[in-house]
Amino acid sequence: MPRPESLYALEREHSSAAAIYPNYIDLRDRNRSFEDLAAYKMGQAVVDTGEKPSAAWLYEVSGNYFDALGIRPYLGRFFRAIG
């Protein structure tokens, strides 16, 4: 069951893109304080449907993102972390 009152966000500014995910893996593996940690990064992509291309916002997330948030799909399934 989701518990939004127990969610916290940590943000690291001015990190190189190459360091962000390895830093998350290190924090996740050494975590002793939180029930779970998930990572996300906001970005932009171009969506081209054959007419006029347009920009769309997207989130790149870790494989455990939905599990950590306690979110279950109404239909189907979400992707999951392997292992």
N, C-alpha and C. Protein backbone atom coordinates (compact mmCIF):
# COMPACT_ATOMS: atom_id res chain seq x y z
N MET A 1 0.84 -1.17 0.00
CA MET A 1 0.00 0.00 0.00
C MET A 1 0.89 1.25 0.00
N PRO A 2 0.62 2.20 -0.88
CA PRO A 2 1.41 3.43 -0.91
C PRO A 2 1.27 4.20 0.41
N ARG A 3 2.37 4.78 0.86
CA ARG A 3 2.37 5.62 2.06
C ARG A 3 3.08 6.93 1.72
N PRO A 4 2.37 7.86 1.08
CA PRO A 4 3.02 9.09 0.62
C PRO A 4 3.67 9.89 1.74
N GLU A 5 3.16 9.77 2.96
CA GLU A 5 3.76 10.52 4.06
C GLU A 5 5.15 10.03 4.43
N SER A 6 5.55 8.87 3.92
CA SER A 6 6.87 8.34 4.23
C SER A 6 7.87 8.51 3.09
N LEU A 7 7.51 9.27 2.06
CA LEU A 7 8.41 9.48 0.93
C LEU A 7 9.33 10.67 1.16
N TYR A 8 10.57 10.52 0.76
CA TYR A 8 11.55 11.59 0.82
C TYR A 8 12.27 11.65 -0.52
N ALA A 9 12.67 12.84 -0.91
CA ALA A 9 13.40 13.01 -2.16
C ALA A 9 14.78 13.59 -1.85
N LEU A 10 15.79 12.99 -2.42
CA LEU A 10 17.15 13.50 -2.33
C LEU A 10 17.53 13.98 -3.72
N GLU A 11 18.12 15.14 -3.80
CA GLU A 11 18.49 15.67 -5.10
C GLU A 11 19.96 16.06 -5.07
N ARG A 12 20.63 15.69 -6.12
CA ARG A 12 22.04 16.06 -6.23
C ARG A 12 22.19 16.93 -7.46
N GLU A 13 22.61 18.15 -7.23
CA GLU A 13 22.79 19.08 -8.34
C GLU A 13 24.25 19.09 -8.77
N HIS A 14 24.45 19.48 -10.00
CA HIS A 14 25.79 19.67 -10.56
C HIS A 14 26.60 18.37 -10.62
N SER A 15 25.94 17.24 -10.81
CA SER A 15 26.64 15.97 -11.00
C SER A 15 26.73 15.69 -12.49
N SER A 16 27.80 15.06 -12.88
CA SER A 16 27.89 14.66 -14.29
C SER A 16 26.90 13.54 -14.55
N ALA A 17 26.37 13.48 -15.73
CA ALA A 17 25.40 12.44 -16.07
C ALA A 17 25.97 11.05 -15.87
N ALA A 18 27.26 10.89 -16.11
CA ALA A 18 27.90 9.58 -15.98
C ALA A 18 28.00 9.13 -14.52
N ALA A 19 27.93 10.06 -13.56
CA ALA A 19 28.09 9.71 -12.15
C ALA A 19 26.77 9.47 -11.43
N ILE A 20 25.68 9.91 -11.98
CA ILE A 20 24.41 9.86 -11.28
C ILE A 20 23.99 8.43 -10.94
N TYR A 21 23.91 7.55 -11.91
CA TYR A 21 23.43 6.19 -11.64
C TYR A 21 24.41 5.40 -10.76
N PRO A 22 25.71 5.46 -11.01
CA PRO A 22 26.63 4.77 -10.09
C PRO A 22 26.52 5.28 -8.65
N ASN A 23 26.29 6.58 -8.46
CA ASN A 23 26.09 7.11 -7.11
C ASN A 23 24.84 6.54 -6.48
N TYR A 24 23.77 6.41 -7.26
CA TYR A 24 22.53 5.82 -6.77
C TYR A 24 22.78 4.37 -6.34
N ILE A 25 23.47 3.59 -7.17
CA ILE A 25 23.75 2.19 -6.84
C ILE A 25 24.53 2.10 -5.53
N ASP A 26 25.51 2.96 -5.35
CA ASP A 26 26.29 2.98 -4.12
C ASP A 26 25.41 3.30 -2.91
N LEU A 27 24.57 4.33 -3.02
CA LEU A 27 23.66 4.68 -1.93
C LEU A 27 22.69 3.54 -1.64
N ARG A 28 22.14 2.95 -2.68
CA ARG A 28 21.19 1.85 -2.51
C ARG A 28 21.83 0.67 -1.79
N ASP A 29 23.04 0.31 -2.20
CA ASP A 29 23.70 -0.85 -1.62
C ASP A 29 24.15 -0.63 -0.18
N ARG A 30 24.43 0.62 0.20
CA ARG A 30 24.88 0.91 1.56
C ARG A 30 23.75 1.42 2.45
N ASN A 31 22.55 1.52 1.92
CA ASN A 31 21.40 2.04 2.65
C ASN A 31 21.08 1.20 3.89
N ARG A 32 20.99 1.85 5.03
CA ARG A 32 20.57 1.20 6.28
C ARG A 32 19.45 1.98 6.95
N SER A 33 19.00 3.05 6.30
CA SER A 33 18.02 3.94 6.93
C SER A 33 16.64 3.89 6.30
N PHE A 34 16.58 3.61 5.01
CA PHE A 34 15.31 3.66 4.31
C PHE A 34 14.87 2.26 3.89
N GLU A 35 13.57 2.08 3.78
CA GLU A 35 13.01 0.80 3.35
C GLU A 35 13.45 0.47 1.92
N ASP A 36 13.51 1.48 1.06
CA ASP A 36 13.89 1.28 -0.33
C ASP A 36 14.37 2.60 -0.91
N LEU A 37 15.16 2.54 -1.95
CA LEU A 37 15.61 3.72 -2.69
C LEU A 37 15.35 3.48 -4.17
N ALA A 38 14.88 4.49 -4.85
CA ALA A 38 14.67 4.43 -6.29
C ALA A 38 15.27 5.68 -6.91
N ALA A 39 15.59 5.60 -8.19
CA ALA A 39 16.20 6.74 -8.88
C ALA A 39 15.34 7.16 -10.05
N TYR A 40 15.36 8.46 -10.33
CA TYR A 40 14.69 8.96 -11.52
C TYR A 40 15.44 10.18 -12.05
N LYS A 41 15.26 10.42 -13.32
CA LYS A 41 15.86 11.58 -13.98
C LYS A 41 14.86 12.07 -15.02
N MET A 42 14.58 13.34 -14.99
CA MET A 42 13.65 13.92 -15.95
C MET A 42 14.41 14.32 -17.20
N GLY A 43 13.79 14.15 -18.35
CA GLY A 43 14.43 14.51 -19.61
C GLY A 43 13.40 14.86 -20.66
N GLN A 44 13.88 15.12 -21.86
CA GLN A 44 13.00 15.43 -22.98
C GLN A 44 13.30 14.50 -24.14
N ALA A 45 12.29 14.23 -24.91
CA ALA A 45 12.43 13.42 -26.12
C ALA A 45 11.59 14.07 -27.21
N VAL A 46 11.85 13.68 -28.42
CA VAL A 46 11.05 14.16 -29.55
C VAL A 46 10.11 13.03 -29.96
N VAL A 47 8.84 13.35 -30.07
CA VAL A 47 7.84 12.38 -30.50
C VAL A 47 7.43 12.74 -31.92
N ASP A 48 7.61 11.80 -32.84
CA ASP A 48 7.29 12.04 -34.24
C ASP A 48 6.23 11.03 -34.66
N THR A 49 5.01 11.50 -34.89
CA THR A 49 3.91 10.63 -35.29
C THR A 49 3.69 10.64 -36.79
N GLY A 50 4.67 11.18 -37.52
CA GLY A 50 4.53 11.25 -38.97
C GLY A 50 4.06 12.60 -39.44
N GLU A 51 3.58 13.42 -38.53
CA GLU A 51 3.18 14.77 -38.90
C GLU A 51 4.23 15.73 -38.34
N LYS A 52 3.83 16.59 -37.47
CA LYS A 52 4.77 17.57 -36.91
C LYS A 52 5.40 17.00 -35.63
N PRO A 53 6.73 16.82 -35.58
CA PRO A 53 7.38 16.33 -34.36
C PRO A 53 7.17 17.33 -33.21
N SER A 54 7.04 16.80 -32.00
CA SER A 54 6.88 17.67 -30.84
C SER A 54 7.69 17.12 -29.67
N ALA A 55 7.98 18.00 -28.74
CA ALA A 55 8.76 17.61 -27.56
C ALA A 55 7.84 17.00 -26.51
N ALA A 56 8.36 16.05 -25.77
CA ALA A 56 7.62 15.42 -24.68
C ALA A 56 8.56 15.24 -23.49
N TRP A 57 8.03 15.46 -22.30
CA TRP A 57 8.81 15.22 -21.08
C TRP A 57 8.75 13.74 -20.75
N LEU A 58 9.83 13.22 -20.19
CA LEU A 58 9.87 11.80 -19.80
C LEU A 58 10.64 11.64 -18.52
N TYR A 59 10.46 10.51 -17.89
CA TYR A 59 11.23 10.13 -16.71
C TYR A 59 12.00 8.86 -17.03
N GLU A 60 13.28 8.87 -16.75
CA GLU A 60 14.08 7.65 -16.78
C GLU A 60 14.14 7.20 -15.33
N VAL A 61 13.75 5.94 -15.06
CA VAL A 61 13.65 5.48 -13.67
C VAL A 61 14.37 4.15 -13.48
N SER A 62 14.74 3.88 -12.24
CA SER A 62 15.37 2.60 -11.91
C SER A 62 14.31 1.49 -11.96
N GLY A 63 14.77 0.26 -12.09
CA GLY A 63 13.87 -0.87 -12.24
C GLY A 63 12.94 -1.10 -11.07
N ASN A 64 13.30 -0.62 -9.90
CA ASN A 64 12.47 -0.81 -8.70
C ASN A 64 11.58 0.40 -8.40
N TYR A 65 11.50 1.33 -9.31
CA TYR A 65 10.79 2.60 -9.08
C TYR A 65 9.36 2.39 -8.59
N PHE A 66 8.57 1.61 -9.30
CA PHE A 66 7.17 1.41 -8.94
C PHE A 66 7.03 0.59 -7.66
N ASP A 67 7.90 -0.40 -7.48
CA ASP A 67 7.88 -1.18 -6.24
C ASP A 67 8.18 -0.30 -5.03
N ALA A 68 9.19 0.56 -5.15
CA ALA A 68 9.57 1.44 -4.04
C ALA A 68 8.44 2.40 -3.68
N LEU A 69 7.69 2.84 -4.67
CA LEU A 69 6.57 3.75 -4.41
C LEU A 69 5.32 3.01 -3.97
N GLY A 70 5.32 1.68 -4.05
CA GLY A 70 4.15 0.90 -3.66
C GLY A 70 3.01 1.03 -4.65
N ILE A 71 3.34 1.28 -5.91
CA ILE A 71 2.31 1.46 -6.95
C ILE A 71 2.12 0.16 -7.71
N ARG A 72 0.87 -0.23 -7.88
CA ARG A 72 0.52 -1.42 -8.65
C ARG A 72 -0.29 -1.00 -9.86
N PRO A 73 -0.09 -1.65 -11.00
CA PRO A 73 -0.86 -1.28 -12.20
C PRO A 73 -2.32 -1.73 -12.09
N TYR A 74 -3.19 -0.97 -12.68
CA TYR A 74 -4.60 -1.36 -12.72
C TYR A 74 -4.78 -2.58 -13.61
N LEU A 75 -4.10 -2.57 -14.75
CA LEU A 75 -4.10 -3.69 -15.69
C LEU A 75 -2.66 -3.97 -16.10
N GLY A 76 -2.38 -5.17 -16.46
CA GLY A 76 -1.05 -5.51 -16.98
C GLY A 76 -0.01 -5.53 -15.89
N ARG A 77 1.20 -5.12 -16.25
CA ARG A 77 2.30 -5.14 -15.29
C ARG A 77 3.30 -4.04 -15.61
N PHE A 78 4.03 -3.63 -14.59
CA PHE A 78 5.11 -2.67 -14.74
C PHE A 78 6.40 -3.44 -15.00
N PHE A 79 7.43 -2.72 -15.42
CA PHE A 79 8.74 -3.36 -15.50
C PHE A 79 9.28 -3.47 -14.09
N ARG A 80 10.24 -4.38 -13.89
CA ARG A 80 10.79 -4.62 -12.56
C ARG A 80 12.29 -4.74 -12.65
N ALA A 81 12.93 -4.56 -11.51
CA ALA A 81 14.37 -4.77 -11.40
C ALA A 81 14.65 -6.27 -11.55
N ILE A 82 15.76 -6.59 -12.18
CA ILE A 82 16.16 -7.99 -12.35
C ILE A 82 17.09 -8.35 -11.19
N GLY A 83 16.87 -9.52 -10.62
CA GLY A 83 17.77 -10.00 -9.58
C GLY A 83 17.35 -9.73 -8.24
